[in-house]
Structure formats: C-alpha cells, structure tokens
Amino acid sequence: MEDNFTLAHALSKNSIPELKKLTEKYNNDEQIDPNAGKPRLIQNLIPVIPSADKEKIIDSTFNTPKTRYNAHLGVYNGSLISEDEINANCIEFNRTHEFSGSSIPYQTTQRENMELIDYDEKELLFHYTYTEKKPSYDFDSLESRPVIYSRKIRVIIKPSEGHISAFTGDRDLFNNVLTALTHIFGRAITPLNINKTGIANDVVGSFSFHTVKVIDFIYHGLDKLGALGEIKNIELETSSKSKNPQKVRVQGNDLLEDKSICDYLFMKSRDLVGVKLALKFKLNEEIEHLVNIEIGIRDNRTKIGIKRDHHTLELVKFFYELLENITQKYIQEPGLINEENTVNILDQIRQRALSGS
C-alpha cells in the first residue's frame, strides 16, 4: 500500500496529457477511459502498471533533471581501496542508516543508502539514495498515510584525478554524500574549497580575496573553454566574518559596466560567490555551441551547472566534464591565473564604483 501511495503521489506530478500517454502504454485488457479526470486516471493506472515500471516512474518523476545538469564538487585524496572493501563498507553504512524502528505511527523518519554501481580504477560510480517517510493526507480514504519521498544522487569519483562530482544542487544532500563517502573510504572526504593563498595584498586592495580569485577564474579560467558571452546574473554575499551577513542577488548583463555590482564589490567588499553566464564552446573550427552555465563558489562549497536547453544529454555531459576539469584545476591552485589582466579588471570595477553614475 505504501508503494502504491508513493506511486500515486508521483503520478499526481504528471499533467493530464502525460497521464493519457501512460494510459495508452499500459491500457491493455483493462478499459480505462482516457477522458476521465486526473484522480480517476491515476486510480485506474496504478493496478495496471507493472511492478518493474513503478520504481522507474517514481525515479523519473523525482530524480531526473529536467532543465539543469548540476553538481557539487569534492576532492578525493589517497589510494583506492578494493571493490570488495567498498561493497562491505556500503553494506555496513546502509545497515546503520535504515528507517528508525520507532513505534510511533506516522512519525517522519529517514533512510540513507549508498550503492557501488561501477568499479573502475579510473572512475567509480555510486548511487546515493536519501529516502524520507512521512505522513500525507489521502483525501480518498480521509486519513493520513505514510508516503515515501526518495532522492537519488549519482556520485562519480575519478581517483587518479582526485575529482568527485555529486549530481545535486542541494547542499544538505551533498553533506550527506560526503559523510557517507568518509564512512566508506575510512578517511575524510572533503568538498572542493577555493584556495586564496598566493594572492598579494596590493593586488586585492579594497576587494575581498574571494572576489579577486573568482574574477580571475571567470575571465582567465572559463575563457579557456570558449568565448565568454552575456553575464545574466551575479550573486554576492558579505564576508563570513561579518556580524550581519547578508546575501545580495543582482542582475547584470556586464559585470564591468553595472555600477551597482561594482559598488558592492569595491565599496562594500562583498564576496562574488555566483555567476550565471553564456559561454560559447568551440569544439572545432566551424561549430560553436552557446551554453548557459552556472558557477557557485563559496568557502567549502563549489557547484557547477549547465542548462540543458536544446542540447542532447550526451553533449551536456561532455560540456560538464570540460567545465568540471577547468574548475577543479584552477579553484584549488594557489595564486592567480593571470595576475596582470586581473589587476586591470579590478581597476575597471574600481573606476566604475567611484564614478558619478
């Protein structure tokens, strides 16, 4: 019953046209009226959907990225343990992170599961699943029933490169993944942290070290992938040492021309922690691909994302790997990629901030 209730919840997220397509697919011997209302369509669909397909529908509804391909990045240091040892540690982790055995009816409870899907010395693939069981009111039966919400996250580890990608934009779930990996590998697995060492004080001036590092990466790291296009969104926040931390999100077509952005960066020393922009990937001499990307860089939190738009999933994955490699390389390296040009960009921002309009 719980599985069917969860399936009903997943089906309710579909539109009527989508439900009609499912009806056409599964309506064999059963007579289901395709013109019935949404509740009736769902009620009639549940018994005729094969058990093997129920989990696929739930997974597709709640776990498949619809518009954006994004991930939090981590760092893998150390030698690779054996496949048998990883599997044994996964079993132990899963055993200790099962649903609570509480006898309180309808109490919200959680479960975590880590599964090794593919073991290769060059690349490991895990599926981390976070499941929450909590009551939800069923209007048909006029009572609360436990419904299961599940989030599945792909985790890719490239041991030789020291890269970890956890495909979620949720910071809390990323924390869970790091904790699970720490348990499985028996050592601390950390997020990709921005390295602000090796930057001279006279370069920084009134800007924050964080902002200087991120600006250098935007203009001299991302440009190694292609031509920078329109900057669509900038996200700023105060220093973590501020007594009254606050986040500021502003729109800006050009980072260097928007006075409000320049004021925040120079006059108030805000940290530049996020940017959404268009990037023209040039894969050969003739073909360019305009891709909308998102970069989020905070202390201990680096997130990258690619908007799917009209691109195939295979092409998006290819763009992602390029973006991941360049981000992993330059964010954790000390110093700046191009100090001279970065100083010139900071001067432009300073001049705009000090201008009258």
Protein backbone atom coordinates (compact mmCIF):
# COMPACT_ATOMS: atom_id res chain seq x y z
CA MET A 1 0.00 0.00 0.00
CA GLU A 2 2.83 2.43 0.82
CA ASP A 3 4.42 1.81 -2.58
CA ASN A 4 1.11 2.46 -4.36
CA PHE A 5 0.56 5.62 -2.35
CA THR A 6 4.03 6.83 -3.33
CA LEU A 7 3.32 5.91 -6.96
CA ALA A 8 0.06 7.86 -6.80
CA HIS A 9 1.99 10.82 -5.46
CA ALA A 10 4.45 10.56 -8.37
CA LEU A 11 1.65 10.25 -10.94
CA SER A 12 -0.06 13.32 -9.48
CA LYS A 13 3.01 15.35 -10.54
CA ASN A 14 2.25 14.49 -14.18
CA SER A 15 -0.06 16.52 -16.38
CA ILE A 16 -3.26 15.04 -17.81
CA PRO A 17 -1.67 14.69 -21.30
CA GLU A 18 1.23 12.78 -19.71
CA LEU A 19 -1.19 10.55 -17.82
CA LYS A 20 -3.06 9.85 -21.06
CA LYS A 21 0.21 8.72 -22.66
CA LEU A 22 0.77 6.34 -19.76
CA THR A 23 -2.80 5.11 -20.21
CA GLU A 24 -2.14 4.35 -23.86
CA LYS A 25 1.02 2.48 -22.88
CA TYR A 26 -0.42 0.32 -20.10
CA ASN A 27 -4.11 0.04 -21.06
CA ASN A 28 -4.11 -3.49 -22.47
CA ASP A 29 -7.05 -5.59 -21.33
CA GLU A 30 -8.31 -3.07 -18.81
CA GLN A 31 -10.78 -0.49 -20.06
CA ILE A 32 -9.55 2.91 -18.91
CA ASP A 33 -11.41 5.96 -20.05
CA PRO A 34 -8.68 8.36 -21.35
CA ASN A 35 -11.09 11.27 -20.89
CA ALA A 36 -11.59 10.66 -17.21
CA GLY A 37 -10.48 13.29 -14.71
CA LYS A 38 -7.00 13.26 -13.21
CA PRO A 39 -7.86 11.46 -9.92
CA ARG A 40 -9.71 8.71 -11.83
CA LEU A 41 -6.87 8.31 -14.34
CA ILE A 42 -4.39 7.87 -11.51
CA GLN A 43 -6.64 5.44 -9.66
CA ASN A 44 -7.13 3.33 -12.78
CA LEU A 45 -3.47 3.41 -13.80
CA ILE A 46 -1.98 2.12 -10.54
CA PRO A 47 -3.23 -1.50 -10.83
CA VAL A 48 -2.14 -1.93 -14.46
CA ILE A 49 1.41 -0.55 -14.19
CA PRO A 50 3.88 -3.47 -13.88
CA SER A 51 5.89 -3.61 -10.67
CA ALA A 52 9.13 -3.29 -12.64
CA ASP A 53 7.97 0.05 -14.03
CA LYS A 54 6.67 1.58 -10.81
CA GLU A 55 10.14 2.44 -9.47
CA LYS A 56 11.15 3.84 -12.87
CA ILE A 57 8.16 6.19 -12.86
CA ILE A 58 8.87 7.32 -9.30
CA ASP A 59 12.57 7.78 -10.07
CA SER A 60 11.83 9.66 -13.29
CA THR A 61 9.38 11.97 -11.54
CA PHE A 62 11.51 12.92 -8.56
CA ASN A 63 15.14 12.32 -9.59
CA THR A 64 15.61 13.05 -13.31
CA PRO A 65 16.97 16.55 -14.07
CA LYS A 66 14.51 18.37 -16.28
CA THR A 67 16.31 21.62 -17.09
CA ARG A 68 19.74 21.72 -15.45
CA TYR A 69 22.69 19.35 -15.13
CA ASN A 70 24.48 20.41 -11.98
CA ALA A 71 26.75 19.03 -9.28
CA HIS A 72 28.66 19.87 -6.15
CA LEU A 73 32.38 19.14 -6.38
CA GLY A 74 34.58 17.34 -3.91
CA VAL A 75 38.19 16.21 -3.61
CA TYR A 76 39.44 12.62 -3.42
CA ASN A 77 42.89 12.16 -1.90
CA GLY A 78 44.62 8.87 -1.24
CA SER A 79 44.89 5.40 -2.71
CA LEU A 80 41.92 3.41 -3.97
CA ILE A 81 40.61 0.57 -1.80
CA SER A 82 39.34 -2.67 -3.30
CA GLU A 83 35.88 -3.25 -4.74
CA ASP A 84 35.11 -5.89 -2.10
CA GLU A 85 36.05 -3.50 0.70
CA ILE A 86 33.90 -0.72 -0.76
CA ASN A 87 30.90 -3.04 -1.06
CA ALA A 88 31.36 -4.30 2.50
CA ASN A 89 31.54 -0.72 3.82
CA CYS A 90 28.43 0.23 1.82
CA ILE A 91 26.52 -2.65 3.42
CA GLU A 92 27.62 -1.52 6.88
CA PHE A 93 26.70 2.11 6.15
CA ASN A 94 23.27 1.12 4.84
CA ARG A 95 22.63 -1.13 7.84
CA THR A 96 23.25 1.73 10.27
CA HIS A 97 21.18 4.23 8.28
CA GLU A 98 17.90 2.34 7.93
CA PHE A 99 14.49 3.73 8.86
CA SER A 100 14.04 4.30 12.57
CA GLY A 101 12.39 1.45 14.42
CA SER A 102 10.20 3.86 16.35
CA SER A 103 6.75 2.53 17.17
CA ILE A 104 5.17 5.99 16.91
CA PRO A 105 2.74 5.75 13.98
CA TYR A 106 3.30 8.07 11.04
CA GLN A 107 6.43 9.59 12.52
CA THR A 108 8.72 11.13 9.90
CA THR A 109 11.84 9.00 9.51
CA GLN A 110 14.78 8.87 7.09
CA ARG A 111 16.92 6.26 5.39
CA GLU A 112 20.25 6.58 3.55
CA ASN A 113 21.64 4.08 1.09
CA MET A 114 24.94 4.01 -0.78
CA GLU A 115 25.47 1.55 -3.63
CA LEU A 116 28.55 0.99 -5.77
CA ILE A 117 27.29 0.72 -9.35
CA ASP A 118 30.54 0.53 -11.31
CA TYR A 119 34.11 -0.03 -10.17
CA ASP A 120 36.98 1.03 -12.38
CA GLU A 121 40.36 2.35 -11.35
CA LYS A 122 39.75 5.43 -13.50
CA GLU A 123 36.17 6.07 -12.43
CA LEU A 124 33.82 4.88 -9.69
CA LEU A 125 30.05 5.33 -9.90
CA PHE A 126 27.88 5.34 -6.78
CA HIS A 127 24.17 5.89 -6.26
CA TYR A 128 23.34 7.64 -3.00
CA THR A 129 19.64 7.49 -2.12
CA TYR A 130 18.01 9.59 0.56
CA THR A 131 14.52 8.39 1.47
CA GLU A 132 12.09 10.10 3.80
CA LYS A 133 8.89 8.53 5.03
CA LYS A 134 6.31 10.94 6.41
CA PRO A 135 2.54 11.20 6.69
CA SER A 136 0.47 12.74 3.91
CA TYR A 137 -3.28 13.15 3.92
CA ASP A 138 -5.18 10.92 1.50
CA PHE A 139 -8.47 12.61 0.61
CA ASP A 140 -9.91 9.42 -0.87
CA SER A 141 -9.61 7.44 2.36
CA LEU A 142 -9.95 10.53 4.60
CA GLU A 143 -6.89 9.61 6.61
CA SER A 144 -3.15 10.19 6.75
CA ARG A 145 -0.91 7.58 5.22
CA PRO A 146 2.87 7.29 5.09
CA VAL A 147 4.27 8.44 1.77
CA ILE A 148 7.85 7.83 0.72
CA TYR A 149 9.88 10.62 -0.88
CA SER A 150 13.12 9.49 -2.47
CA ARG A 151 16.09 11.42 -3.86
CA LYS A 152 18.73 9.52 -5.82
CA ILE A 153 22.10 11.15 -6.49
CA ARG A 154 24.77 9.93 -8.88
CA VAL A 155 28.27 10.26 -7.45
CA ILE A 156 31.29 9.95 -9.73
CA ILE A 157 34.80 9.62 -8.31
CA LYS A 158 37.90 9.83 -10.50
CA PRO A 159 40.67 8.62 -8.15
CA SER A 160 43.61 9.38 -10.45
CA GLU A 161 42.43 12.96 -10.94
CA GLY A 162 41.20 13.44 -7.38
CA HIS A 163 37.75 14.58 -8.58
CA ILE A 164 34.34 13.96 -7.03
CA SER A 165 31.05 15.06 -8.61
CA ALA A 166 27.81 14.67 -6.64
CA PHE A 167 24.97 15.47 -9.01
CA THR A 168 22.74 17.53 -6.79
CA GLY A 169 22.20 21.21 -6.21
CA ASP A 170 21.09 20.53 -2.62
CA ARG A 171 23.84 21.47 -0.17
CA ASP A 172 22.47 19.32 2.66
CA LEU A 173 22.33 16.23 0.48
CA PHE A 174 25.89 16.94 -0.67
CA ASN A 175 26.92 16.99 3.01
CA ASN A 176 25.24 13.61 3.42
CA VAL A 177 27.15 12.23 0.43
CA LEU A 178 30.49 13.41 1.84
CA THR A 179 29.67 11.83 5.20
CA ALA A 180 28.74 8.54 3.52
CA LEU A 181 31.94 8.52 1.44
CA THR A 182 34.01 9.28 4.54
CA HIS A 183 32.47 6.20 6.20
CA ILE A 184 33.05 4.02 3.15
CA PHE A 185 36.65 5.04 2.44
CA GLY A 186 37.70 5.38 6.08
CA ARG A 187 39.14 8.87 5.71
CA ALA A 188 37.86 12.41 5.45
CA ILE A 189 36.31 13.21 2.05
CA THR A 190 36.13 16.97 1.62
CA PRO A 191 34.36 19.46 -0.64
CA LEU A 192 36.35 21.41 -3.21
CA ASN A 193 37.49 24.54 -1.40
CA ILE A 194 38.64 27.78 -3.00
CA ASN A 195 42.37 28.38 -2.49
CA LYS A 196 43.04 32.04 -1.71
CA THR A 197 46.71 31.70 -0.86
CA GLY A 198 49.41 33.22 -3.04
CA ILE A 199 47.46 36.42 -3.81
CA ALA A 200 49.33 39.63 -2.93
CA ASN A 201 47.70 42.21 -0.66
CA ASP A 202 48.49 45.04 -3.10
CA VAL A 203 46.53 43.18 -5.79
CA VAL A 204 43.47 42.81 -3.58
CA GLY A 205 43.28 46.35 -2.21
CA SER A 206 39.68 47.05 -1.12
CA PHE A 207 38.30 43.92 -2.74
CA SER A 208 37.91 40.65 -0.88
CA PHE A 209 40.44 37.88 -1.60
CA HIS A 210 37.48 35.69 -2.53
CA THR A 211 36.23 38.14 -5.17
CA VAL A 212 39.68 38.55 -6.72
CA LYS A 213 40.10 34.78 -7.04
CA VAL A 214 36.64 34.30 -8.59
CA ILE A 215 37.02 37.19 -11.05
CA ASP A 216 40.34 35.77 -12.17
CA PHE A 217 38.69 32.37 -12.68
CA ILE A 218 35.75 33.79 -14.65
CA TYR A 219 37.87 35.79 -17.08
CA HIS A 220 41.00 33.64 -17.28
CA GLY A 221 39.77 30.13 -16.43
CA LEU A 222 36.43 29.88 -18.20
CA ASP A 223 37.82 31.61 -21.29
CA LYS A 224 40.00 28.55 -21.87
CA LEU A 225 36.80 26.68 -22.75
CA GLY A 226 35.45 29.30 -25.13
CA ALA A 227 34.33 32.90 -25.52
CA LEU A 228 32.51 34.50 -22.61
CA GLY A 229 29.05 35.74 -23.54
CA GLU A 230 26.35 37.61 -21.66
CA ILE A 231 26.58 37.61 -17.87
CA LYS A 232 22.99 37.07 -16.77
CA ASN A 233 23.15 37.00 -13.00
CA ILE A 234 25.64 37.82 -10.26
CA GLU A 235 25.32 36.64 -6.66
CA LEU A 236 27.15 38.41 -3.85
CA GLU A 237 27.36 37.95 -0.11
CA THR A 238 29.13 39.51 2.82
CA SER A 239 32.26 38.04 4.36
CA SER A 240 31.68 35.11 6.69
CA LYS A 241 33.32 37.25 9.41
CA SER A 242 30.64 39.92 9.13
CA LYS A 243 28.48 40.47 12.20
CA ASN A 244 25.43 40.84 9.96
CA PRO A 245 25.94 38.51 6.99
CA GLN A 246 23.58 39.03 4.10
CA LYS A 247 23.20 37.83 0.54
CA VAL A 248 22.67 40.15 -2.39
CA ARG A 249 21.49 38.93 -5.79
CA VAL A 250 21.61 41.42 -8.64
CA GLN A 251 21.01 41.25 -12.37
CA GLY A 252 23.83 42.31 -14.65
CA ASN A 253 24.48 41.96 -18.36
CA ASP A 254 28.07 43.04 -17.91
CA LEU A 255 29.96 42.65 -14.66
CA LEU A 256 32.27 45.54 -15.51
CA GLU A 257 29.56 48.02 -16.55
CA ASP A 258 26.89 47.58 -13.87
CA LYS A 259 27.58 50.26 -11.26
CA SER A 260 25.54 48.60 -8.52
CA ILE A 261 27.63 45.43 -8.81
CA CYS A 262 30.88 47.40 -8.86
CA ASP A 263 29.75 49.35 -5.77
CA TYR A 264 29.06 46.15 -3.86
CA LEU A 265 32.38 44.58 -4.86
CA PHE A 266 34.61 47.61 -4.26
CA MET A 267 32.88 49.93 -1.81
CA LYS A 268 31.42 47.21 0.43
CA SER A 269 33.90 44.38 -0.24
CA ARG A 270 31.18 41.86 -0.97
CA ASP A 271 32.24 38.34 -1.92
CA LEU A 272 31.41 37.34 -5.50
CA VAL A 273 30.02 33.83 -4.93
CA GLY A 274 27.95 33.03 -8.00
CA VAL A 275 27.58 33.84 -11.68
CA LYS A 276 25.31 32.70 -14.49
CA LEU A 277 26.58 33.38 -17.98
CA ALA A 278 26.58 32.22 -21.58
CA LEU A 279 29.72 30.51 -22.84
CA LYS A 280 30.49 29.70 -26.45
CA PHE A 281 32.16 26.29 -26.55
CA LYS A 282 34.16 25.88 -29.76
CA LEU A 283 34.64 22.17 -30.43
CA ASN A 284 36.19 22.60 -33.86
CA GLU A 285 36.91 25.32 -36.41
CA GLU A 286 33.33 25.53 -37.65
CA ILE A 287 30.92 24.57 -34.87
CA GLU A 288 30.22 26.69 -31.78
CA HIS A 289 27.76 25.77 -29.03
CA LEU A 290 26.21 28.51 -26.91
CA VAL A 291 25.80 27.02 -23.43
CA ASN A 292 24.30 28.61 -20.33
CA ILE A 293 26.38 27.73 -17.30
CA GLU A 294 26.25 28.46 -13.59
CA ILE A 295 29.17 28.65 -11.18
CA GLY A 296 28.78 28.85 -7.42
CA ILE A 297 31.93 29.28 -5.35
CA ARG A 298 31.78 29.68 -1.60
CA ASP A 299 34.17 28.57 1.12
CA ASN A 300 33.96 24.77 1.16
CA ARG A 301 31.24 24.77 -1.50
CA THR A 302 31.85 24.71 -5.24
CA LYS A 303 28.90 23.99 -7.53
CA ILE A 304 28.70 23.98 -11.30
CA GLY A 305 25.70 23.63 -13.56
CA ILE A 306 24.83 23.50 -17.25
CA LYS A 307 21.38 24.31 -18.58
CA ARG A 308 20.19 21.63 -20.96
CA ASP A 309 18.33 23.97 -23.36
CA HIS A 310 18.22 22.27 -26.78
CA HIS A 311 21.42 20.23 -26.30
CA THR A 312 21.40 16.44 -26.15
CA LEU A 313 22.16 14.90 -22.77
CA GLU A 314 25.36 13.37 -24.21
CA LEU A 315 26.58 16.79 -25.31
CA VAL A 316 25.66 18.33 -21.96
CA LYS A 317 27.70 15.63 -20.19
CA PHE A 318 30.65 16.46 -22.45
CA PHE A 319 30.35 20.18 -21.63
CA TYR A 320 30.08 19.30 -17.96
CA GLU A 321 33.33 17.32 -17.94
CA LEU A 322 35.18 20.21 -19.58
CA LEU A 323 33.75 22.62 -17.01
CA GLU A 324 34.49 20.27 -14.13
CA ASN A 325 38.13 19.81 -15.16
CA ILE A 326 38.82 23.52 -15.52
CA THR A 327 37.08 24.30 -12.21
CA GLN A 328 38.87 21.57 -10.24
CA LYS A 329 42.20 22.68 -11.70
CA TYR A 330 42.10 26.40 -11.04
CA ILE A 331 39.91 26.78 -7.95
CA GLN A 332 42.25 24.73 -5.76
CA GLU A 333 45.51 26.11 -7.20
CA PRO A 334 47.25 28.91 -5.26
CA GLY A 335 47.65 32.34 -6.79
CA LEU A 336 46.01 33.78 -9.89
CA ILE A 337 45.89 32.52 -13.45
CA ASN A 338 46.62 35.93 -14.97
CA GLU A 339 47.52 38.50 -12.33
CA GLU A 340 48.23 41.38 -14.73
CA ASN A 341 44.90 41.18 -16.54
CA THR A 342 43.03 40.58 -13.27
CA VAL A 343 44.51 43.80 -11.86
CA ASN A 344 43.26 45.64 -14.98
CA ILE A 345 39.74 44.22 -14.46
CA LEU A 346 39.78 45.27 -10.79
CA ASP A 347 40.81 48.77 -11.86
CA GLN A 348 37.81 48.95 -14.23
CA ILE A 349 35.47 47.88 -11.42
CA ARG A 350 37.05 50.41 -9.07
CA GLN A 351 36.68 53.24 -11.58
CA ARG A 352 33.04 52.37 -12.25
CA ALA A 353 32.30 52.27 -8.50
CA LEU A 354 33.91 55.69 -7.98
CA SER A 355 32.22 57.28 -10.99
CA GLY A 356 29.28 59.60 -10.53
CA SER A 357 26.84 57.43 -12.50
